[in-house]
N, C-alpha and C. Protein backbone atom coordinates (compact mmCIF):
# COMPACT_ATOMS: atom_id res chain seq x y z
N MET A 1 -7.27 50.34 27.06
CA MET A 1 -6.00 49.72 26.76
C MET A 1 -5.98 49.37 25.28
N THR A 2 -4.95 49.79 24.60
CA THR A 2 -4.85 49.50 23.18
C THR A 2 -4.16 48.17 22.98
N MET A 3 -4.34 47.61 21.82
CA MET A 3 -3.74 46.32 21.51
C MET A 3 -2.22 46.43 21.41
N ASP A 4 -1.71 47.64 21.19
CA ASP A 4 -0.26 47.79 21.06
C ASP A 4 0.45 47.58 22.39
N ASN A 5 -0.26 47.70 23.50
CA ASN A 5 0.36 47.55 24.81
C ASN A 5 0.45 46.10 25.26
N ILE A 6 -0.18 45.17 24.56
CA ILE A 6 -0.17 43.77 24.95
C ILE A 6 1.07 43.10 24.36
N ILE A 7 1.77 42.35 25.19
CA ILE A 7 2.99 41.67 24.74
C ILE A 7 2.63 40.70 23.64
N GLY A 8 3.39 40.73 22.58
CA GLY A 8 3.15 39.84 21.45
C GLY A 8 2.29 40.47 20.37
N LEU A 9 1.68 41.61 20.67
CA LEU A 9 0.83 42.27 19.69
C LEU A 9 1.41 43.59 19.21
N GLU A 10 2.61 43.92 19.64
CA GLU A 10 3.19 45.19 19.24
C GLU A 10 3.46 45.17 17.74
N LYS A 11 3.37 46.33 17.12
CA LYS A 11 3.54 46.43 15.67
C LYS A 11 4.99 46.24 15.27
N THR A 12 5.90 46.76 16.07
CA THR A 12 7.32 46.61 15.77
C THR A 12 7.98 45.89 16.94
N PRO A 13 8.09 44.57 16.88
CA PRO A 13 8.67 43.82 17.98
C PRO A 13 10.15 44.15 18.16
N GLY A 14 10.63 43.96 19.36
CA GLY A 14 12.04 44.24 19.64
C GLY A 14 12.21 45.64 20.17
N LYS A 15 13.45 46.02 20.40
CA LYS A 15 13.73 47.34 20.95
C LYS A 15 14.08 48.30 19.83
N GLY A 16 13.23 49.32 19.71
CA GLY A 16 13.51 50.39 18.74
C GLY A 16 13.55 49.88 17.31
N GLY A 17 13.80 50.77 16.41
CA GLY A 17 13.96 50.40 14.99
C GLY A 17 12.65 49.94 14.39
N ALA A 18 12.30 50.50 13.28
CA ALA A 18 11.06 50.12 12.61
C ALA A 18 11.38 49.02 11.62
N LYS A 19 11.01 47.79 11.96
CA LYS A 19 11.26 46.67 11.06
C LYS A 19 10.09 46.54 10.10
N ALA A 20 10.40 46.11 8.92
CA ALA A 20 9.33 45.83 7.97
C ALA A 20 8.70 44.51 8.38
N GLU A 21 7.40 44.50 8.60
CA GLU A 21 6.71 43.32 9.09
C GLU A 21 6.40 42.40 7.92
N SER A 22 6.82 41.14 8.05
CA SER A 22 6.56 40.19 6.98
C SER A 22 5.09 39.77 7.03
N LEU A 23 4.64 39.15 5.95
CA LEU A 23 3.26 38.73 5.86
C LEU A 23 2.93 37.68 6.93
N SER A 24 3.83 36.77 7.21
CA SER A 24 3.56 35.73 8.22
C SER A 24 3.50 36.33 9.63
N GLU A 25 4.36 37.33 9.90
CA GLU A 25 4.33 37.98 11.21
C GLU A 25 3.02 38.75 11.40
N ARG A 26 2.62 39.43 10.34
CA ARG A 26 1.37 40.19 10.40
C ARG A 26 0.18 39.26 10.60
N LYS A 27 0.20 38.13 9.89
CA LYS A 27 -0.88 37.15 10.03
C LYS A 27 -0.92 36.58 11.45
N ALA A 28 0.25 36.28 12.02
CA ALA A 28 0.30 35.75 13.38
C ALA A 28 -0.21 36.78 14.38
N ARG A 29 0.16 38.05 14.16
CA ARG A 29 -0.31 39.11 15.06
C ARG A 29 -1.82 39.26 14.97
N LEU A 30 -2.36 39.23 13.77
CA LEU A 30 -3.81 39.34 13.60
C LEU A 30 -4.55 38.16 14.22
N LEU A 31 -3.98 36.97 14.12
CA LEU A 31 -4.59 35.80 14.74
C LEU A 31 -4.61 35.94 16.27
N ARG A 32 -3.51 36.45 16.83
CA ARG A 32 -3.48 36.67 18.28
C ARG A 32 -4.49 37.73 18.69
N GLN A 33 -4.63 38.78 17.88
CA GLN A 33 -5.64 39.80 18.18
C GLN A 33 -7.04 39.19 18.16
N GLY A 34 -7.29 38.32 17.19
CA GLY A 34 -8.59 37.65 17.11
C GLY A 34 -8.84 36.77 18.33
N ASP A 35 -7.78 36.07 18.78
CA ASP A 35 -7.91 35.25 19.99
C ASP A 35 -8.26 36.11 21.19
N PHE A 36 -7.57 37.24 21.35
CA PHE A 36 -7.86 38.14 22.46
C PHE A 36 -9.28 38.69 22.36
N TYR A 37 -9.72 39.00 21.16
CA TYR A 37 -11.06 39.51 20.96
C TYR A 37 -12.10 38.47 21.36
N ARG A 38 -11.91 37.22 20.92
CA ARG A 38 -12.85 36.15 21.25
C ARG A 38 -12.89 35.89 22.75
N VAL A 39 -11.74 35.93 23.41
CA VAL A 39 -11.70 35.74 24.86
C VAL A 39 -12.43 36.88 25.55
N GLY A 40 -12.26 38.09 25.05
CA GLY A 40 -12.96 39.24 25.62
C GLY A 40 -14.46 39.12 25.48
N ILE A 41 -14.92 38.65 24.33
CA ILE A 41 -16.36 38.46 24.10
C ILE A 41 -16.90 37.39 25.04
N ALA A 42 -16.17 36.27 25.18
CA ALA A 42 -16.62 35.20 26.07
C ALA A 42 -16.68 35.69 27.51
N HIS A 43 -15.69 36.48 27.91
CA HIS A 43 -15.66 37.01 29.27
C HIS A 43 -16.85 37.96 29.50
N ALA A 44 -17.14 38.81 28.53
CA ALA A 44 -18.26 39.75 28.65
C ALA A 44 -19.59 39.01 28.74
N ARG A 45 -19.74 37.95 27.95
CA ARG A 45 -20.98 37.16 28.00
C ARG A 45 -21.14 36.50 29.36
N ALA A 46 -20.05 35.95 29.89
CA ALA A 46 -20.12 35.31 31.21
C ALA A 46 -20.43 36.34 32.30
N GLN A 47 -19.86 37.53 32.17
CA GLN A 47 -20.11 38.59 33.15
C GLN A 47 -21.58 39.01 33.12
N ILE A 48 -22.15 39.15 31.93
CA ILE A 48 -23.55 39.53 31.80
C ILE A 48 -24.45 38.44 32.37
N LYS A 49 -24.12 37.18 32.08
CA LYS A 49 -24.90 36.06 32.60
C LYS A 49 -24.85 36.03 34.12
N HIS A 50 -23.68 36.28 34.69
CA HIS A 50 -23.53 36.28 36.15
C HIS A 50 -24.27 37.45 36.77
N ASP A 51 -24.14 38.63 36.18
CA ASP A 51 -24.74 39.84 36.75
C ASP A 51 -26.26 39.87 36.62
N SER A 52 -26.85 39.01 35.80
CA SER A 52 -28.30 39.01 35.65
C SER A 52 -28.98 38.00 36.57
N ARG A 53 -28.20 37.30 37.40
CA ARG A 53 -28.80 36.38 38.36
C ARG A 53 -29.53 37.18 39.44
N PRO A 54 -30.66 36.66 39.94
CA PRO A 54 -31.45 37.41 40.92
C PRO A 54 -30.68 37.75 42.20
N ASP A 55 -29.86 36.83 42.70
CA ASP A 55 -29.13 37.11 43.94
C ASP A 55 -28.09 38.20 43.73
N VAL A 56 -27.48 38.23 42.56
CA VAL A 56 -26.49 39.26 42.26
C VAL A 56 -27.18 40.62 42.08
N LEU A 57 -28.33 40.62 41.41
CA LEU A 57 -29.09 41.86 41.25
C LEU A 57 -29.53 42.41 42.61
N PHE A 58 -30.00 41.52 43.49
CA PHE A 58 -30.42 41.95 44.82
C PHE A 58 -29.24 42.51 45.61
N HIS A 59 -28.11 41.81 45.54
CA HIS A 59 -26.92 42.27 46.26
C HIS A 59 -26.46 43.63 45.75
N SER A 60 -26.50 43.82 44.44
CA SER A 60 -26.11 45.09 43.85
C SER A 60 -27.06 46.21 44.28
N ALA A 61 -28.36 45.92 44.29
CA ALA A 61 -29.34 46.93 44.72
C ALA A 61 -29.16 47.26 46.20
N LEU A 62 -28.88 46.25 47.01
CA LEU A 62 -28.65 46.48 48.44
C LEU A 62 -27.39 47.31 48.66
N ASP A 63 -26.33 47.01 47.92
CA ASP A 63 -25.11 47.81 48.01
C ASP A 63 -25.36 49.26 47.64
N HIS A 64 -26.13 49.46 46.57
CA HIS A 64 -26.43 50.82 46.13
C HIS A 64 -27.25 51.57 47.19
N ALA A 65 -28.24 50.88 47.76
CA ALA A 65 -29.09 51.52 48.77
C ALA A 65 -28.28 51.87 50.02
N THR A 66 -27.44 50.96 50.48
CA THR A 66 -26.65 51.25 51.68
C THR A 66 -25.64 52.36 51.41
N TRP A 67 -25.09 52.40 50.20
CA TRP A 67 -24.17 53.49 49.87
C TRP A 67 -24.91 54.82 49.87
N ALA A 68 -26.13 54.84 49.33
CA ALA A 68 -26.90 56.08 49.29
C ALA A 68 -27.24 56.56 50.70
N VAL A 69 -27.65 55.63 51.57
CA VAL A 69 -27.97 56.01 52.95
C VAL A 69 -26.73 56.49 53.68
N ARG A 70 -25.62 55.76 53.50
CA ARG A 70 -24.39 56.15 54.19
C ARG A 70 -23.90 57.52 53.72
N SER A 71 -23.96 57.78 52.42
CA SER A 71 -23.50 59.08 51.94
C SER A 71 -24.41 60.20 52.43
N ARG A 72 -25.71 59.91 52.55
CA ARG A 72 -26.64 60.92 53.08
C ARG A 72 -26.32 61.21 54.55
N ILE A 73 -26.09 60.16 55.33
CA ILE A 73 -25.76 60.35 56.75
C ILE A 73 -24.43 61.08 56.88
N ASP A 74 -23.46 60.71 56.04
CA ASP A 74 -22.17 61.39 56.08
C ASP A 74 -22.31 62.88 55.76
N SER A 75 -23.17 63.21 54.80
CA SER A 75 -23.34 64.62 54.45
C SER A 75 -24.03 65.40 55.58
N VAL A 76 -24.92 64.73 56.33
CA VAL A 76 -25.58 65.39 57.46
C VAL A 76 -24.58 65.58 58.61
N LEU A 77 -23.72 64.58 58.82
CA LEU A 77 -22.77 64.64 59.94
C LEU A 77 -21.51 65.43 59.62
N HIS A 78 -21.28 65.75 58.36
CA HIS A 78 -20.03 66.41 57.96
C HIS A 78 -19.76 67.72 58.72
N PRO A 79 -20.74 68.60 58.92
CA PRO A 79 -20.45 69.84 59.65
C PRO A 79 -19.96 69.61 61.08
N THR A 80 -20.33 68.47 61.68
CA THR A 80 -19.91 68.19 63.05
C THR A 80 -18.52 67.58 63.12
N GLY A 81 -18.00 67.15 61.97
CA GLY A 81 -16.69 66.50 61.95
C GLY A 81 -16.75 65.02 62.27
N ILE A 82 -17.94 64.46 62.30
CA ILE A 82 -18.13 63.04 62.59
C ILE A 82 -18.46 62.34 61.29
N SER A 83 -18.01 61.09 61.16
CA SER A 83 -18.35 60.31 59.98
C SER A 83 -19.00 58.99 60.40
N VAL A 84 -19.63 58.32 59.46
CA VAL A 84 -20.27 57.04 59.75
C VAL A 84 -19.23 56.03 60.21
N ALA A 85 -18.05 56.07 59.61
CA ALA A 85 -17.00 55.11 59.97
C ALA A 85 -16.56 55.27 61.42
N SER A 86 -16.57 56.49 61.94
CA SER A 86 -16.16 56.69 63.33
C SER A 86 -17.27 56.31 64.31
N ILE A 87 -18.52 56.34 63.87
CA ILE A 87 -19.65 56.02 64.74
C ILE A 87 -19.95 54.52 64.77
N MET A 88 -19.64 53.81 63.69
CA MET A 88 -20.06 52.42 63.56
C MET A 88 -19.64 51.50 64.70
N PRO A 89 -18.43 51.57 65.25
CA PRO A 89 -18.11 50.67 66.37
C PRO A 89 -19.05 50.88 67.56
N TYR A 90 -19.37 52.12 67.86
CA TYR A 90 -20.30 52.40 68.97
C TYR A 90 -21.71 51.94 68.63
N ALA A 91 -22.14 52.20 67.40
CA ALA A 91 -23.48 51.80 66.98
C ALA A 91 -23.63 50.28 67.00
N ALA A 92 -22.60 49.57 66.56
CA ALA A 92 -22.66 48.11 66.56
C ALA A 92 -22.76 47.57 67.99
N THR A 93 -22.03 48.19 68.91
CA THR A 93 -22.10 47.77 70.32
C THR A 93 -23.50 48.02 70.89
N ILE A 94 -24.05 49.19 70.61
CA ILE A 94 -25.39 49.52 71.12
C ILE A 94 -26.45 48.61 70.51
N ILE A 95 -26.37 48.36 69.20
CA ILE A 95 -27.34 47.49 68.54
C ILE A 95 -27.23 46.07 69.09
N GLY A 96 -26.00 45.60 69.32
CA GLY A 96 -25.82 44.27 69.91
C GLY A 96 -26.43 44.18 71.30
N PHE A 97 -26.25 45.21 72.10
CA PHE A 97 -26.83 45.25 73.44
C PHE A 97 -28.36 45.22 73.36
N ILE A 98 -28.92 46.01 72.47
CA ILE A 98 -30.38 46.08 72.33
C ILE A 98 -30.96 44.73 71.90
N THR A 99 -30.31 44.07 70.96
CA THR A 99 -30.84 42.78 70.50
C THR A 99 -30.65 41.68 71.54
N ARG A 100 -29.55 41.71 72.31
CA ARG A 100 -29.34 40.69 73.35
C ARG A 100 -30.37 40.82 74.47
N ARG A 101 -30.73 42.05 74.80
CA ARG A 101 -31.70 42.28 75.89
C ARG A 101 -33.15 42.26 75.41
N ARG A 102 -33.34 42.00 74.13
CA ARG A 102 -34.68 41.97 73.52
C ARG A 102 -35.43 43.27 73.73
N LEU A 103 -34.73 44.34 73.44
CA LEU A 103 -35.32 45.68 73.60
C LEU A 103 -35.54 46.36 72.24
N VAL A 104 -35.75 45.56 71.21
CA VAL A 104 -35.85 46.11 69.86
C VAL A 104 -37.09 47.01 69.72
N LYS A 105 -38.24 46.50 70.14
CA LYS A 105 -39.48 47.30 70.00
C LYS A 105 -39.43 48.59 70.83
N PRO A 106 -39.01 48.53 72.09
CA PRO A 106 -38.89 49.80 72.82
C PRO A 106 -37.88 50.75 72.20
N ALA A 107 -36.79 50.21 71.65
CA ALA A 107 -35.78 51.07 71.02
C ALA A 107 -36.34 51.74 69.77
N ILE A 108 -37.14 51.01 69.01
CA ILE A 108 -37.77 51.61 67.83
C ILE A 108 -38.73 52.71 68.26
N GLY A 109 -39.47 52.47 69.34
CA GLY A 109 -40.38 53.49 69.85
C GLY A 109 -39.64 54.74 70.30
N VAL A 110 -38.53 54.56 71.02
CA VAL A 110 -37.74 55.71 71.47
C VAL A 110 -37.16 56.46 70.28
N ALA A 111 -36.68 55.72 69.26
CA ALA A 111 -36.14 56.38 68.08
C ALA A 111 -37.22 57.17 67.34
N ALA A 112 -38.42 56.61 67.24
CA ALA A 112 -39.52 57.31 66.57
C ALA A 112 -39.91 58.56 67.36
N LEU A 113 -39.95 58.44 68.67
CA LEU A 113 -40.27 59.58 69.52
C LEU A 113 -39.22 60.68 69.38
N ALA A 114 -37.95 60.29 69.39
CA ALA A 114 -36.86 61.27 69.23
C ALA A 114 -36.93 61.93 67.86
N ALA A 115 -37.23 61.15 66.82
CA ALA A 115 -37.35 61.73 65.48
C ALA A 115 -38.51 62.72 65.42
N GLY A 116 -39.62 62.39 66.08
CA GLY A 116 -40.75 63.32 66.12
C GLY A 116 -40.41 64.61 66.84
N VAL A 117 -39.68 64.52 67.94
CA VAL A 117 -39.28 65.72 68.69
C VAL A 117 -38.34 66.57 67.85
N VAL A 118 -37.38 65.95 67.19
CA VAL A 118 -36.45 66.70 66.34
C VAL A 118 -37.21 67.38 65.20
N TRP A 119 -38.13 66.67 64.60
CA TRP A 119 -38.91 67.24 63.51
C TRP A 119 -39.71 68.45 64.00
N TYR A 120 -40.35 68.31 65.17
CA TYR A 120 -41.13 69.42 65.73
C TYR A 120 -40.23 70.62 66.04
N LEU A 121 -39.07 70.37 66.63
CA LEU A 121 -38.17 71.47 66.98
C LEU A 121 -37.66 72.18 65.74
N GLN A 122 -37.39 71.43 64.68
CA GLN A 122 -36.93 72.07 63.44
C GLN A 122 -38.04 72.92 62.83
N ARG A 123 -39.26 72.42 62.84
CA ARG A 123 -40.39 73.21 62.31
C ARG A 123 -40.59 74.47 63.14
N ARG A 124 -40.47 74.33 64.44
CA ARG A 124 -40.64 75.48 65.33
C ARG A 124 -39.54 76.51 65.12
N ARG A 125 -38.31 76.02 64.90
CA ARG A 125 -37.18 76.92 64.70
C ARG A 125 -37.32 77.71 63.41
N THR A 126 -37.85 77.08 62.38
CA THR A 126 -37.99 77.79 61.10
C THR A 126 -39.25 78.65 61.06
N GLY A 127 -40.09 78.55 62.08
CA GLY A 127 -41.27 79.41 62.17
C GLY A 127 -42.49 78.88 61.46
N GLU A 128 -42.54 77.58 61.15
CA GLU A 128 -43.69 77.01 60.48
C GLU A 128 -44.78 76.61 61.46
N ALA A 129 -44.42 76.33 62.71
CA ALA A 129 -45.41 75.82 63.68
C ALA A 129 -46.16 76.95 64.34
């Protein structure tokens, strides 16, 4: 965004017509530009101070990691026409059921077993086994 787009900082105020800018008008415009610049610097400093807090850094890293995992899962599911967003309501229901029944450890075991079977079948299909 250029300074010319900010109200009060335009070079030729008013509608149309190129007016000769007086020295006092130019000085007032430059002072307003300086005020905007100082506010921008203060805002940037506050943003950097906020973004360097440990909880914000952790949250940002967690967001990045979940985005990376979700995009990877979406790319794997794309050929089937399924997306993570369409699966999540069912997954949340299943995860809630598993945690309510205290079946977390058996569920992890079943997931590991299923992953091992899929891995073996893929190796066998490609002819490595």
